[in-house]
């Protein structure tokens, strides 16, 4: 997955978060909502669990109410997206 750099301005950050959202949507669309889990049974796509947090980050950027933690919403979404894809890849490793 391509790492996005954290831009300085909120509009640029919002664009990057939306691009990440779009990328995850494309990945889920390609793989399907249900994938085969580690046990061989169908499970919900691992990336689906991160859409709520991603939506919250976009909302915060749109309204200017970003959290003041050490990790920006964009950094959090990148980390969560990478984690979801790593989890998916680990489940489907042969």
Protein backbone atom coordinates (compact mmCIF):
# COMPACT_ATOMS: atom_id res chain seq x y z
CA UNK A 1 0.00 0.00 0.00
CA UNK A 2 1.29 3.47 -0.84
CA UNK A 3 2.18 5.63 2.15
CA UNK A 4 0.72 9.11 2.02
CA UNK A 5 2.62 12.00 3.55
CA UNK A 6 0.74 14.22 5.96
CA UNK A 7 0.16 17.52 4.14
CA UNK A 8 0.12 20.80 5.96
CA UNK A 9 -3.37 22.08 5.21
CA UNK A 10 -6.68 20.53 6.22
CA UNK A 11 -8.11 20.51 2.66
CA UNK A 12 -5.08 18.54 1.46
CA UNK A 13 -5.36 16.17 4.42
CA UNK A 14 -9.06 15.67 3.72
CA UNK A 15 -8.24 14.87 0.09
CA UNK A 16 -5.71 12.26 1.25
CA UNK A 17 -8.18 10.71 3.69
CA UNK A 18 -10.80 10.54 0.94
CA UNK A 19 -8.22 8.91 -1.36
CA UNK A 20 -7.54 6.33 1.33
CA UNK A 21 -11.30 5.76 1.71
CA UNK A 22 -11.60 5.27 -2.05
CA UNK A 23 -8.67 2.87 -2.07
CA UNK A 24 -10.21 0.72 0.67
CA UNK A 25 -13.56 0.76 -1.13
CA UNK A 26 -11.87 -0.47 -4.30
CA UNK A 27 -10.09 -3.21 -2.34
CA UNK A 28 -13.33 -4.42 -0.72
CA UNK A 29 -15.13 -4.22 -4.05
CA UNK A 30 -12.42 -6.34 -5.68
CA UNK A 31 -12.30 -8.91 -2.86
CA UNK A 32 -15.99 -8.87 -1.95
CA UNK A 33 -17.68 -8.13 1.36
CA UNK A 34 -17.13 -11.70 2.46
CA UNK A 35 -13.72 -13.37 2.19
CA UNK A 36 -12.41 -16.72 3.33
CA UNK A 37 -10.98 -16.41 6.83
CA UNK A 38 -8.09 -18.28 8.45
CA UNK A 39 -10.39 -21.13 9.47
CA UNK A 40 -11.58 -21.55 5.89
CA UNK A 41 -15.01 -20.11 6.59
CA UNK A 42 -16.44 -16.92 5.06
CA UNK A 43 -15.92 -13.80 7.18
CA UNK A 44 -16.52 -10.09 6.66
CA UNK A 45 -13.66 -8.39 4.81
CA UNK A 46 -11.14 -7.25 7.46
CA UNK A 47 -11.03 -3.70 6.03
CA UNK A 48 -14.72 -3.17 6.79
CA UNK A 49 -14.03 -2.71 10.49
CA UNK A 50 -12.05 0.48 9.77
CA UNK A 51 -14.63 2.43 7.79
CA UNK A 52 -16.32 3.87 10.87
CA UNK A 53 -13.04 5.34 12.14
CA UNK A 54 -12.19 6.58 8.67
CA UNK A 55 -15.60 8.24 8.38
CA UNK A 56 -15.05 9.93 11.76
CA UNK A 57 -11.67 11.24 10.63
CA UNK A 58 -13.19 12.68 7.45
CA UNK A 59 -16.00 14.27 9.45
CA UNK A 60 -13.49 15.79 11.88
CA UNK A 61 -11.44 17.22 9.03
CA UNK A 62 -14.54 18.59 7.32
CA UNK A 63 -15.80 20.28 10.49
CA UNK A 64 -12.38 21.29 11.84
CA UNK A 65 -12.75 19.25 15.03
CA UNK A 66 -9.63 17.09 14.75
CA UNK A 67 -8.50 15.33 17.89
CA UNK A 68 -5.30 16.66 19.40
CA UNK A 69 -3.63 13.27 19.92
CA UNK A 70 -0.13 12.40 18.87
CA UNK A 71 -1.41 10.63 15.75
CA UNK A 72 -3.27 12.66 13.13
CA UNK A 73 -6.46 11.18 11.67
CA UNK A 74 -4.63 10.57 8.40
CA UNK A 75 -1.81 8.75 10.16
CA UNK A 76 -4.34 6.71 12.13
CA UNK A 77 -6.22 5.75 8.96
CA UNK A 78 -3.01 4.82 7.18
CA UNK A 79 -1.98 2.64 10.10
CA UNK A 80 -5.40 0.99 10.33
CA UNK A 81 -5.60 0.45 6.58
CA UNK A 82 -2.14 -1.12 6.51
CA UNK A 83 -3.11 -3.29 9.47
CA UNK A 84 -6.31 -4.42 7.76
CA UNK A 85 -4.48 -5.33 4.57
CA UNK A 86 -1.71 -7.09 6.53
CA UNK A 87 -4.35 -9.06 8.45
CA UNK A 88 -6.05 -9.97 5.19
CA UNK A 89 -2.77 -11.00 3.58
CA UNK A 90 -1.84 -13.09 6.63
CA UNK A 91 -5.19 -14.89 6.50
CA UNK A 92 -4.72 -15.70 2.82
CA UNK A 93 -1.02 -16.59 2.85
CA UNK A 94 -0.30 -19.95 1.30
